[in-house]
Each structure stands twice: as structure tokens, then as C-alpha cells.
């Protein structure tokens, strides 16, 4: 509950928003979709800065990157034709996994990155796509998503800064991919999230790949040791089985009210094996 919230600002330019944040310092909060504002309990907050009028809601294909504005809604991402084609549509699939349409309409991409949770649906897909976060303050800085996740909110994002854009290398657009979740019901937070992207070479061998698991620990994790097992190989079911065991071996899982550590470890191997097979399958188009 924001008991001392007194002022609400609607800047129309990024520079204007940054000036307001600097003036109020730790006494200001940025709001985009607003789905987390009701949970905040910070008596210091006196001003809210709404950034939805900054023109940061877009999905554009550039020469070197797919660019997604920070205030783009999760529902827009789920339905966007570009995202549904890009790398077999893993990011659009991740967006559709957010269970409620009301939540998807309210949530923004930038907000979902800032307010990280272990069961974050988008985080594994962004990591599997080598996404970069563009942060604007006094200067612009670009941070790989791998360096942002799992870090305290203000370690990478200053109090006088905002996320303006997320960029994904365009070279990954033709990669195969799959995104899968394991959960009790469609409305429950996922117990295991797996996202795989794979580069298919002309000789039917696997080139580079990205293997990411989420929902298991406090942050999504990429498994580079397992990726090396696929590089340059003509992969198939036996490879997927052995690679998923490598992932399980390197996995650190936690127990909570949703599942025990042991159950998560077992299901992580199963979900990763299925996701690898789905990503490589030409018949399924590399989709979920």
C-alpha cells in the first residue's frame, strides 16, 4: 500500500520522465502496466511516473535486431505475427502462457523484466534468444538479459533510469525452437519452464543452441555445458536423452509449496528432453 502517494505524472518524453525520477529520487515509482503497484508497500513513495505515453509500445524488425518497446503489452506480443514467426515463435508462446487475458493486457514486457519472479514466463524465452535490455538514463546502456536476471532491482537499473527497449539479434529469426511448461493447472505458476532454440545447419547438424530452464530456482538458468553436447552433431532422441541428463546434473532446484526439490529435478529432465525433441522436429516446425 502506497500510503504517502501524492502526485501522479504522465510524461510524454523519455527525458521528461528521467527528470521527474531524478527530482524525487527514491520517492518515485515507475508505473507501466500497473499490475504490481497494488502489492507495493513503501511509505517513501510520494510520486508515480506513468511511462505509457512515451511511445515505447512497438514491435519492429530492424537490420540487425528485432526491437520490442518496453511498454508493449504481453497480449500484443502473444498475437504479433512477427513474434509468432521469429525463432519458431518461442517468445509469443511464452507470452501466451501468462494465464489470464486481463493480466496479459495489463502486463508490459519491461515490467515483467524488472519484477522478476522464479516462475517468470518470459525470462527463459528472452534468455534463449540472447535478448539485450536497453536502459536510458543520463546515458544509454545495453545489458545482456543474462546479466540482468537474478540481480537486485537497482544493481543494473538505476533509480533515475528506465528500460526503453528489448533487442533480439535478427540472426536468430530462422532458428528452430520450442517453449514448454509443466504446471498443475493452467492458472498455477509453472513448476518447470523449458525453452530451447537451435540453429539447424545445411548438413542436418545442430549448430549453436540455447538451453534454458526456469521456475526451478530463484532465476532462470542457461546450461552451456549441455549446449556443447549438441554442437556439430546430427542429433536425435538418444542425444536429447543424454543432454537432458547433463542439464539435470548441473541443476540446482528448490522446494516450495508447488513441488519438492526431488520432483522438480525429475520433471526438469523430462520437460527438457521433450522440448529438445520438439525444437528439432521439422514435422512440428520446431514449435511447442
C-alpha atoms as a PDB file:
ATOM      1  CA  UNK A   1       0.000   0.000   0.000  1.00  0.00           C
ATOM      2  CA  UNK A   2       1.426   3.348  -1.059  1.00  0.00           C
ATOM      3  CA  UNK A   3       0.152   5.393   1.888  1.00  0.00           C
ATOM      4  CA  UNK A   4       2.046   8.571   1.008  1.00  0.00           C
ATOM      5  CA  UNK A   5       1.471   8.651  -2.743  1.00  0.00           C
ATOM      6  CA  UNK A   6       0.510  12.251  -3.548  1.00  0.00           C
ATOM      7  CA  UNK A   7       1.461  13.002  -7.144  1.00  0.00           C
ATOM      8  CA  UNK A   8       0.932  11.232 -10.473  1.00  0.00           C
ATOM      9  CA  UNK A   9       2.860  12.204 -13.593  1.00  0.00           C
ATOM     10  CA  UNK A  10       2.214  11.399 -17.271  1.00  0.00           C
ATOM     11  CA  UNK A  11       5.371  12.420 -19.171  1.00  0.00           C
ATOM     12  CA  UNK A  12       5.303  12.279 -22.959  1.00  0.00           C
ATOM     13  CA  UNK A  13       9.066  12.222 -23.497  1.00  0.00           C
ATOM     14  CA  UNK A  14      11.754   9.960 -22.057  1.00  0.00           C
ATOM     15  CA  UNK A  15      13.850  12.963 -20.991  1.00  0.00           C
ATOM     16  CA  UNK A  16      10.878  14.380 -19.078  1.00  0.00           C
ATOM     17  CA  UNK A  17      10.328  11.081 -17.252  1.00  0.00           C
ATOM     18  CA  UNK A  18      14.000  10.911 -16.277  1.00  0.00           C
ATOM     19  CA  UNK A  19      13.906  14.460 -14.899  1.00  0.00           C
ATOM     20  CA  UNK A  20      10.947  13.582 -12.653  1.00  0.00           C
ATOM     21  CA  UNK A  21      12.680  10.437 -11.388  1.00  0.00           C
ATOM     22  CA  UNK A  22      15.826  12.385 -10.602  1.00  0.00           C
ATOM     23  CA  UNK A  23      13.858  15.068  -8.750  1.00  0.00           C
ATOM     24  CA  UNK A  24      12.086  12.583  -6.485  1.00  0.00           C
ATOM     25  CA  UNK A  25      14.951  10.064  -6.287  1.00  0.00           C
ATOM     26  CA  UNK A  26      13.887   7.074  -4.144  1.00  0.00           C
ATOM     27  CA  UNK A  27      10.494   8.716  -3.501  1.00  0.00           C
ATOM     28  CA  UNK A  28       9.244   7.960  -7.047  1.00  0.00           C
ATOM     29  CA  UNK A  29       7.964   4.757  -8.610  1.00  0.00           C
ATOM     30  CA  UNK A  30       7.671   3.961 -12.319  1.00  0.00           C
ATOM     31  CA  UNK A  31       4.353   2.558 -13.481  1.00  0.00           C
ATOM     32  CA  UNK A  32       3.604   0.935 -16.844  1.00  0.00           C
ATOM     33  CA  UNK A  33       1.009  -1.841 -16.732  1.00  0.00           C
ATOM     34  CA  UNK A  34       0.443  -1.287 -13.023  1.00  0.00           C
ATOM     35  CA  UNK A  35      -0.139  -4.972 -12.203  1.00  0.00           C
ATOM     36  CA  UNK A  36       2.436  -4.851  -9.374  1.00  0.00           C
ATOM     37  CA  UNK A  37       1.655  -1.418  -7.942  1.00  0.00           C
ATOM     38  CA  UNK A  38      -1.069  -2.731  -5.655  1.00  0.00           C
ATOM     39  CA  UNK A  39       1.424  -5.059  -3.980  1.00  0.00           C
ATOM     40  CA  UNK A  40       3.973  -2.370  -3.193  1.00  0.00           C
ATOM     41  CA  UNK A  41       4.251  -1.392   0.450  1.00  0.00           C
ATOM     42  CA  UNK A  42       6.666   1.508   0.537  1.00  0.00           C
ATOM     43  CA  UNK A  43       5.898   4.514   2.686  1.00  0.00           C
ATOM     44  CA  UNK A  44       8.655   6.522   0.983  1.00  0.00           C
ATOM     45  CA  UNK A  45       6.878   6.645  -2.392  1.00  0.00           C
ATOM     46  CA  UNK A  46       5.318  10.071  -2.975  1.00  0.00           C
ATOM     47  CA  UNK A  47       5.115  10.177  -6.794  1.00  0.00           C
ATOM     48  CA  UNK A  48       4.180   7.712  -9.536  1.00  0.00           C
ATOM     49  CA  UNK A  49       5.564   8.200 -13.045  1.00  0.00           C
ATOM     50  CA  UNK A  50       3.394   6.633 -15.742  1.00  0.00           C
ATOM     51  CA  UNK A  51       5.558   5.833 -18.792  1.00  0.00           C
ATOM     52  CA  UNK A  52       2.810   4.532 -21.083  1.00  0.00           C
ATOM     53  CA  UNK A  53       2.722   7.790 -23.088  1.00  0.00           C
ATOM     54  CA  UNK A  54       6.409   7.715 -24.066  1.00  0.00           C
ATOM     55  CA  UNK A  55       5.816   5.880 -27.356  1.00  0.00           C
ATOM     56  CA  UNK A  56       7.523   2.705 -26.153  1.00  0.00           C
ATOM     57  CA  UNK A  57       4.857   0.237 -27.291  1.00  0.00           C
ATOM     58  CA  UNK A  58       6.021  -1.312 -30.582  1.00  0.00           C
ATOM     59  CA  UNK A  59       7.480  -4.385 -32.262  1.00  0.00           C
ATOM     60  CA  UNK A  60       9.838  -3.536 -35.135  1.00  0.00           C
ATOM     61  CA  UNK A  61      12.224  -5.512 -37.289  1.00  0.00           C
ATOM     62  CA  UNK A  62      15.485  -3.685 -37.891  1.00  0.00           C
ATOM     63  CA  UNK A  63      18.509  -4.678 -39.960  1.00  0.00           C
ATOM     64  CA  UNK A  64      20.321  -6.309 -37.055  1.00  0.00           C
ATOM     65  CA  UNK A  65      17.701  -6.817 -34.354  1.00  0.00           C
ATOM     66  CA  UNK A  66      14.053  -7.330 -33.542  1.00  0.00           C
ATOM     67  CA  UNK A  67      13.127  -4.395 -31.311  1.00  0.00           C
ATOM     68  CA  UNK A  68      10.336  -4.518 -28.740  1.00  0.00           C
ATOM     69  CA  UNK A  69       9.341  -1.418 -26.789  1.00  0.00           C
ATOM     70  CA  UNK A  70       9.324  -1.692 -23.010  1.00  0.00           C
ATOM     71  CA  UNK A  71       5.625  -0.825 -22.596  1.00  0.00           C
ATOM     72  CA  UNK A  72       4.445  -3.347 -25.199  1.00  0.00           C
ATOM     73  CA  UNK A  73       1.744  -5.462 -23.579  1.00  0.00           C
ATOM     74  CA  UNK A  74       2.136  -9.208 -23.185  1.00  0.00           C
ATOM     75  CA  UNK A  75      -1.132  -9.714 -25.109  1.00  0.00           C
ATOM     76  CA  UNK A  76       0.245  -7.726 -28.053  1.00  0.00           C
ATOM     77  CA  UNK A  77       3.331  -9.951 -28.041  1.00  0.00           C
ATOM     78  CA  UNK A  78       1.230 -13.104 -27.919  1.00  0.00           C
ATOM     79  CA  UNK A  79      -0.721 -12.098 -31.064  1.00  0.00           C
ATOM     80  CA  UNK A  80       2.001 -10.367 -33.064  1.00  0.00           C
ATOM     81  CA  UNK A  81       2.713 -12.128 -36.429  1.00  0.00           C
ATOM     82  CA  UNK A  82       6.418 -11.191 -36.354  1.00  0.00           C
ATOM     83  CA  UNK A  83       6.920 -12.765 -32.931  1.00  0.00           C
ATOM     84  CA  UNK A  84       4.929 -15.840 -33.903  1.00  0.00           C
ATOM     85  CA  UNK A  85       7.389 -16.429 -36.769  1.00  0.00           C
ATOM     86  CA  UNK A  86      10.618 -15.393 -35.063  1.00  0.00           C
ATOM     87  CA  UNK A  87      12.646 -18.429 -33.861  1.00  0.00           C
ATOM     88  CA  UNK A  88       9.589 -20.676 -34.162  1.00  0.00           C
ATOM     89  CA  UNK A  89       7.554 -18.267 -32.060  1.00  0.00           C
ATOM     90  CA  UNK A  90       9.038 -19.121 -28.646  1.00  0.00           C
ATOM     91  CA  UNK A  91       8.604 -15.596 -27.253  1.00  0.00           C
ATOM     92  CA  UNK A  92       4.995 -15.362 -28.427  1.00  0.00           C
ATOM     93  CA  UNK A  93       4.375 -18.791 -26.905  1.00  0.00           C
ATOM     94  CA  UNK A  94       5.867 -17.608 -23.618  1.00  0.00           C
ATOM     95  CA  UNK A  95       3.554 -14.592 -23.697  1.00  0.00           C
ATOM     96  CA  UNK A  96       0.516 -16.820 -24.242  1.00  0.00           C
ATOM     97  CA  UNK A  97       1.493 -18.873 -21.189  1.00  0.00           C
ATOM     98  CA  UNK A  98       0.614 -15.952 -18.893  1.00  0.00           C
ATOM     99  CA  UNK A  99      -2.733 -17.425 -17.817  1.00  0.00           C
ATOM    100  CA  UNK A 100      -5.179 -14.507 -17.694  1.00  0.00           C
ATOM    101  CA  UNK A 101      -6.016 -12.332 -20.690  1.00  0.00           C
ATOM    102  CA  UNK A 102      -6.676  -9.471 -18.282  1.00  0.00           C
ATOM    103  CA  UNK A 103      -3.138  -9.889 -16.942  1.00  0.00           C
ATOM    104  CA  UNK A 104      -1.687 -10.102 -20.462  1.00  0.00           C
ATOM    105  CA  UNK A 105      -3.443  -6.866 -21.401  1.00  0.00           C
ATOM    106  CA  UNK A 106      -2.071  -5.108 -18.319  1.00  0.00           C
ATOM    107  CA  UNK A 107       1.431  -6.543 -18.063  1.00  0.00           C
ATOM    108  CA  UNK A 108       4.239  -4.997 -20.081  1.00  0.00           C
ATOM    109  CA  UNK A 109       7.490  -6.535 -21.273  1.00  0.00           C
ATOM    110  CA  UNK A 110       9.623  -4.041 -19.368  1.00  0.00           C
ATOM    111  CA  UNK A 111       7.677  -4.550 -16.159  1.00  0.00           C
ATOM    112  CA  UNK A 112       7.957  -8.331 -16.370  1.00  0.00           C
ATOM    113  CA  UNK A 113      11.745  -7.962 -16.645  1.00  0.00           C
ATOM    114  CA  UNK A 114      12.058  -5.548 -13.716  1.00  0.00           C
ATOM    115  CA  UNK A 115       9.780  -7.505 -11.364  1.00  0.00           C
ATOM    116  CA  UNK A 116      11.467 -10.874 -11.629  1.00  0.00           C
ATOM    117  CA  UNK A 117       9.920 -13.990 -10.117  1.00  0.00           C
ATOM    118  CA  UNK A 118      11.170 -17.615 -10.195  1.00  0.00           C
ATOM    119  CA  UNK A 119       8.152 -18.578 -12.312  1.00  0.00           C
ATOM    120  CA  UNK A 120       8.545 -15.704 -14.799  1.00  0.00           C
ATOM    121  CA  UNK A 121       7.144 -16.958 -18.095  1.00  0.00           C
ATOM    122  CA  UNK A 122       9.095 -14.607 -20.373  1.00  0.00           C
ATOM    123  CA  UNK A 123      12.527 -14.810 -18.775  1.00  0.00           C
ATOM    124  CA  UNK A 124      13.554 -18.234 -20.193  1.00  0.00           C
ATOM    125  CA  UNK A 125      12.473 -17.283 -23.726  1.00  0.00           C
ATOM    126  CA  UNK A 126      14.337 -13.968 -23.609  1.00  0.00           C
ATOM    127  CA  UNK A 127      17.476 -15.761 -22.422  1.00  0.00           C
ATOM    128  CA  UNK A 128      17.166 -18.399 -25.147  1.00  0.00           C
ATOM    129  CA  UNK A 129      17.027 -15.553 -27.698  1.00  0.00           C
ATOM    130  CA  UNK A 130      20.100 -13.675 -26.396  1.00  0.00           C
ATOM    131  CA  UNK A 131      17.946 -10.637 -25.668  1.00  0.00           C
ATOM    132  CA  UNK A 132      19.537  -7.331 -24.700  1.00  0.00           C
ATOM    133  CA  UNK A 133      17.962  -4.686 -22.469  1.00  0.00           C
ATOM    134  CA  UNK A 134      18.276  -1.037 -23.450  1.00  0.00           C
ATOM    135  CA  UNK A 135      18.318   1.260 -20.412  1.00  0.00           C
ATOM    136  CA  UNK A 136      18.084   5.023 -20.700  1.00  0.00           C
ATOM    137  CA  UNK A 137      19.434   7.390 -18.067  1.00  0.00           C
ATOM    138  CA  UNK A 138      21.951  10.177 -18.416  1.00  0.00           C
ATOM    139  CA  UNK A 139      23.497   7.863 -20.999  1.00  0.00           C
ATOM    140  CA  UNK A 140      22.191   4.812 -22.820  1.00  0.00           C
ATOM    141  CA  UNK A 141      23.458   1.403 -21.796  1.00  0.00           C
ATOM    142  CA  UNK A 142      22.765  -2.054 -23.189  1.00  0.00           C
ATOM    143  CA  UNK A 143      22.839  -5.069 -20.869  1.00  0.00           C
ATOM    144  CA  UNK A 144      22.524  -8.736 -21.899  1.00  0.00           C
ATOM    145  CA  UNK A 145      19.485 -10.367 -20.309  1.00  0.00           C
ATOM    146  CA  UNK A 146      21.783 -12.992 -18.754  1.00  0.00           C
ATOM    147  CA  UNK A 147      23.479 -10.267 -16.683  1.00  0.00           C
ATOM    148  CA  UNK A 148      20.183  -8.757 -15.577  1.00  0.00           C
ATOM    149  CA  UNK A 149      18.145 -11.719 -14.328  1.00  0.00           C
ATOM    150  CA  UNK A 150      18.598 -12.745 -10.731  1.00  0.00           C
ATOM    151  CA  UNK A 151      20.190  -9.434  -9.790  1.00  0.00           C
ATOM    152  CA  UNK A 152      18.726  -6.953  -7.268  1.00  0.00           C
ATOM    153  CA  UNK A 153      16.466  -4.440  -8.998  1.00  0.00           C
ATOM    154  CA  UNK A 154      18.767  -1.435  -8.645  1.00  0.00           C
ATOM    155  CA  UNK A 155      22.066  -3.173  -9.363  1.00  0.00           C
ATOM    156  CA  UNK A 156      21.639  -2.847 -13.125  1.00  0.00           C
ATOM    157  CA  UNK A 157      18.735  -0.397 -13.301  1.00  0.00           C
ATOM    158  CA  UNK A 158      19.402   2.899 -11.520  1.00  0.00           C
ATOM    159  CA  UNK A 159      16.676   4.825  -9.714  1.00  0.00           C
ATOM    160  CA  UNK A 160      16.910   7.544 -12.356  1.00  0.00           C
ATOM    161  CA  UNK A 161      16.759   5.146 -15.310  1.00  0.00           C
ATOM    162  CA  UNK A 162      14.064   3.289 -17.260  1.00  0.00           C
ATOM    163  CA  UNK A 163      14.059   0.353 -19.617  1.00  0.00           C
ATOM    164  CA  UNK A 164      13.116   1.612 -23.075  1.00  0.00           C
ATOM    165  CA  UNK A 165      13.594  -1.353 -25.377  1.00  0.00           C
ATOM    166  CA  UNK A 166      14.483  -5.032 -25.679  1.00  0.00           C
ATOM    167  CA  UNK A 167      16.532  -6.171 -28.671  1.00  0.00           C
ATOM    168  CA  UNK A 168      16.874  -9.673 -30.050  1.00  0.00           C
ATOM    169  CA  UNK A 169      19.543 -10.496 -32.686  1.00  0.00           C
ATOM    170  CA  UNK A 170      17.864 -10.872 -36.059  1.00  0.00           C
ATOM    171  CA  UNK A 171      20.228 -13.721 -36.959  1.00  0.00           C
ATOM    172  CA  UNK A 172      18.219 -15.930 -34.591  1.00  0.00           C
ATOM    173  CA  UNK A 173      14.974 -15.445 -36.536  1.00  0.00           C
ATOM    174  CA  UNK A 174      15.435 -18.672 -38.502  1.00  0.00           C
ATOM    175  CA  UNK A 175      16.443 -20.843 -35.550  1.00  0.00           C
ATOM    176  CA  UNK A 176      14.244 -23.708 -34.502  1.00  0.00           C
ATOM    177  CA  UNK A 177      12.748 -23.553 -31.055  1.00  0.00           C
ATOM    178  CA  UNK A 178      10.274 -24.805 -28.520  1.00  0.00           C
ATOM    179  CA  UNK A 179       8.858 -23.477 -25.251  1.00  0.00           C
ATOM    180  CA  UNK A 180       7.130 -25.781 -22.785  1.00  0.00           C
ATOM    181  CA  UNK A 181       5.874 -25.541 -19.225  1.00  0.00           C
ATOM    182  CA  UNK A 182       4.892 -28.050 -16.571  1.00  0.00           C
ATOM    183  CA  UNK A 183       2.253 -26.911 -14.073  1.00  0.00           C
ATOM    184  CA  UNK A 184      -0.625 -28.382 -12.103  1.00  0.00           C
ATOM    185  CA  UNK A 185      -3.289 -26.284 -13.826  1.00  0.00           C
ATOM    186  CA  UNK A 186      -3.223 -23.554 -16.469  1.00  0.00           C
ATOM    187  CA  UNK A 187      -3.749 -20.908 -13.790  1.00  0.00           C
ATOM    188  CA  UNK A 188      -0.958 -22.135 -11.482  1.00  0.00           C
ATOM    189  CA  UNK A 189       2.610 -20.774 -11.615  1.00  0.00           C
ATOM    190  CA  UNK A 190       4.821 -23.164 -13.615  1.00  0.00           C
ATOM    191  CA  UNK A 191       6.915 -25.678 -11.684  1.00  0.00           C
ATOM    192  CA  UNK A 192       9.248 -26.141 -14.662  1.00  0.00           C
ATOM    193  CA  UNK A 193       9.736 -23.962 -17.747  1.00  0.00           C
ATOM    194  CA  UNK A 194      11.984 -25.064 -20.610  1.00  0.00           C
ATOM    195  CA  UNK A 195      12.942 -23.027 -23.649  1.00  0.00           C
ATOM    196  CA  UNK A 196      15.256 -24.283 -26.380  1.00  0.00           C
ATOM    197  CA  UNK A 197      16.470 -22.559 -29.529  1.00  0.00           C
ATOM    198  CA  UNK A 198      18.649 -24.407 -32.046  1.00  0.00           C
ATOM    199  CA  UNK A 199      20.498 -23.426 -35.206  1.00  0.00           C
ATOM    200  CA  UNK A 200      19.983 -26.008 -37.948  1.00  0.00           C
ATOM    201  CA  UNK A 201      22.908 -26.368 -40.365  1.00  0.00           C
ATOM    202  CA  UNK A 202      22.576 -27.346 -44.031  1.00  0.00           C
ATOM    203  CA  UNK A 203      24.090 -30.786 -43.332  1.00  0.00           C
ATOM    204  CA  UNK A 204      21.293 -31.550 -40.826  1.00  0.00           C
ATOM    205  CA  UNK A 205      23.647 -30.952 -37.932  1.00  0.00           C
ATOM    206  CA  UNK A 206      22.969 -28.754 -34.954  1.00  0.00           C
ATOM    207  CA  UNK A 207      24.915 -25.513 -34.820  1.00  0.00           C
ATOM    208  CA  UNK A 208      24.616 -23.185 -31.850  1.00  0.00           C
ATOM    209  CA  UNK A 209      21.874 -23.738 -29.298  1.00  0.00           C
ATOM    210  CA  UNK A 210      20.447 -22.197 -26.156  1.00  0.00           C
ATOM    211  CA  UNK A 211      19.019 -24.377 -23.377  1.00  0.00           C
ATOM    212  CA  UNK A 212      17.245 -22.538 -20.565  1.00  0.00           C
ATOM    213  CA  UNK A 213      15.212 -23.707 -17.577  1.00  0.00           C
ATOM    214  CA  UNK A 214      13.033 -21.527 -15.360  1.00  0.00           C
ATOM    215  CA  UNK A 215      10.602 -21.953 -12.475  1.00  0.00           C
ATOM    216  CA  UNK A 216      13.052 -24.208 -10.634  1.00  0.00           C
ATOM    217  CA  UNK A 217      15.387 -21.835  -8.816  1.00  0.00           C
ATOM    218  CA  UNK A 218      15.278 -18.133  -7.983  1.00  0.00           C
ATOM    219  CA  UNK A 219      16.331 -17.266 -11.533  1.00  0.00           C
ATOM    220  CA  UNK A 220      16.223 -18.826 -14.990  1.00  0.00           C
ATOM    221  CA  UNK A 221      19.461 -20.584 -15.926  1.00  0.00           C
ATOM    222  CA  UNK A 222      21.199 -21.324 -19.211  1.00  0.00           C
ATOM    223  CA  UNK A 223      23.085 -24.639 -19.499  1.00  0.00           C
ATOM    224  CA  UNK A 224      26.128 -24.094 -21.684  1.00  0.00           C
ATOM    225  CA  UNK A 225      27.741 -27.446 -20.855  1.00  0.00           C
ATOM    226  CA  UNK A 226      24.683 -29.206 -22.264  1.00  0.00           C
ATOM    227  CA  UNK A 227      24.715 -26.962 -25.347  1.00  0.00           C
ATOM    228  CA  UNK A 228      28.245 -28.137 -26.182  1.00  0.00           C
ATOM    229  CA  UNK A 229      26.954 -31.710 -26.363  1.00  0.00           C
ATOM    230  CA  UNK A 230      24.756 -30.705 -29.327  1.00  0.00           C
ATOM    231  CA  UNK A 231      27.232 -28.574 -31.278  1.00  0.00           C
ATOM    232  CA  UNK A 232      28.083 -30.052 -34.664  1.00  0.00           C
ATOM    233  CA  UNK A 233      26.098 -33.261 -34.054  1.00  0.00           C
ATOM    234  CA  UNK A 234      23.386 -34.972 -36.060  1.00  0.00           C
ATOM    235  CA  UNK A 235      21.020 -35.020 -33.146  1.00  0.00           C
ATOM    236  CA  UNK A 236      18.191 -37.379 -32.342  1.00  0.00           C
ATOM    237  CA  UNK A 237      16.317 -38.973 -29.415  1.00  0.00           C
ATOM    238  CA  UNK A 238      19.444 -40.533 -27.882  1.00  0.00           C
ATOM    239  CA  UNK A 239      21.212 -37.173 -27.881  1.00  0.00           C
ATOM    240  CA  UNK A 240      18.214 -35.465 -26.287  1.00  0.00           C
ATOM    241  CA  UNK A 241      18.147 -38.042 -23.510  1.00  0.00           C
ATOM    242  CA  UNK A 242      21.839 -37.653 -22.693  1.00  0.00           C
ATOM    243  CA  UNK A 243      21.731 -33.858 -22.949  1.00  0.00           C
ATOM    244  CA  UNK A 244      18.744 -33.632 -20.606  1.00  0.00           C
ATOM    245  CA  UNK A 245      20.689 -35.715 -18.073  1.00  0.00           C
ATOM    246  CA  UNK A 246      23.581 -33.244 -18.301  1.00  0.00           C
ATOM    247  CA  UNK A 247      21.122 -30.448 -17.555  1.00  0.00           C
ATOM    248  CA  UNK A 248      19.714 -32.351 -14.584  1.00  0.00           C
ATOM    249  CA  UNK A 249      23.223 -32.981 -13.228  1.00  0.00           C
ATOM    250  CA  UNK A 250      24.020 -29.246 -13.253  1.00  0.00           C
ATOM    251  CA  UNK A 251      20.621 -28.259 -11.897  1.00  0.00           C
ATOM    252  CA  UNK A 252      20.007 -26.608  -8.546  1.00  0.00           C
ATOM    253  CA  UNK A 253      16.367 -26.926  -7.543  1.00  0.00           C
ATOM    254  CA  UNK A 254      14.391 -25.597  -4.599  1.00  0.00           C
ATOM    255  CA  UNK A 255      11.433 -26.964  -2.656  1.00  0.00           C
ATOM    256  CA  UNK A 256       8.339 -24.850  -2.131  1.00  0.00           C
ATOM    257  CA  UNK A 257       4.564 -25.222  -1.838  1.00  0.00           C
ATOM    258  CA  UNK A 258       4.313 -26.162  -5.531  1.00  0.00           C
ATOM    259  CA  UNK A 259       6.801 -29.047  -5.642  1.00  0.00           C
ATOM    260  CA  UNK A 260       9.673 -30.693  -3.802  1.00  0.00           C
ATOM    261  CA  UNK A 261      13.263 -30.384  -4.965  1.00  0.00           C
ATOM    262  CA  UNK A 262      13.383 -34.061  -5.995  1.00  0.00           C
ATOM    263  CA  UNK A 263      10.177 -33.812  -8.016  1.00  0.00           C
ATOM    264  CA  UNK A 264      11.440 -30.729  -9.847  1.00  0.00           C
ATOM    265  CA  UNK A 265      14.736 -32.442 -10.687  1.00  0.00           C
ATOM    266  CA  UNK A 266      12.933 -35.392 -12.255  1.00  0.00           C
ATOM    267  CA  UNK A 267      10.435 -33.272 -14.148  1.00  0.00           C
ATOM    268  CA  UNK A 268      13.141 -30.889 -15.372  1.00  0.00           C
ATOM    269  CA  UNK A 269      14.843 -33.738 -17.220  1.00  0.00           C
ATOM    270  CA  UNK A 270      11.566 -34.911 -18.741  1.00  0.00           C
ATOM    271  CA  UNK A 271      10.471 -31.432 -19.846  1.00  0.00           C
ATOM    272  CA  UNK A 272      13.907 -30.583 -21.248  1.00  0.00           C
ATOM    273  CA  UNK A 273      14.012 -33.820 -23.276  1.00  0.00           C
ATOM    274  CA  UNK A 274      10.565 -33.141 -24.732  1.00  0.00           C
ATOM    275  CA  UNK A 275      11.439 -29.535 -25.508  1.00  0.00           C
ATOM    276  CA  UNK A 276      14.643 -30.531 -27.303  1.00  0.00           C
ATOM    277  CA  UNK A 277      12.747 -33.061 -29.425  1.00  0.00           C
ATOM    278  CA  UNK A 278      10.013 -30.547 -30.267  1.00  0.00           C
ATOM    279  CA  UNK A 279      12.529 -27.848 -31.160  1.00  0.00           C
ATOM    280  CA  UNK A 280      14.402 -30.071 -33.599  1.00  0.00           C
ATOM    281  CA  UNK A 281      11.341 -31.669 -35.164  1.00  0.00           C
ATOM    282  CA  UNK A 282      10.813 -30.469 -38.759  1.00  0.00           C
ATOM    283  CA  UNK A 283       7.409 -32.065 -38.799  1.00  0.00           C
ATOM    284  CA  UNK A 284       6.240 -29.820 -35.949  1.00  0.00           C
ATOM    285  CA  UNK A 285       8.062 -26.834 -37.332  1.00  0.00           C
ATOM    286  CA  UNK A 286      10.120 -26.520 -34.197  1.00  0.00           C
ATOM    287  CA  UNK A 287       7.167 -25.272 -32.163  1.00  0.00           C
ATOM    288  CA  UNK A 288       5.570 -26.317 -28.924  1.00  0.00           C
END
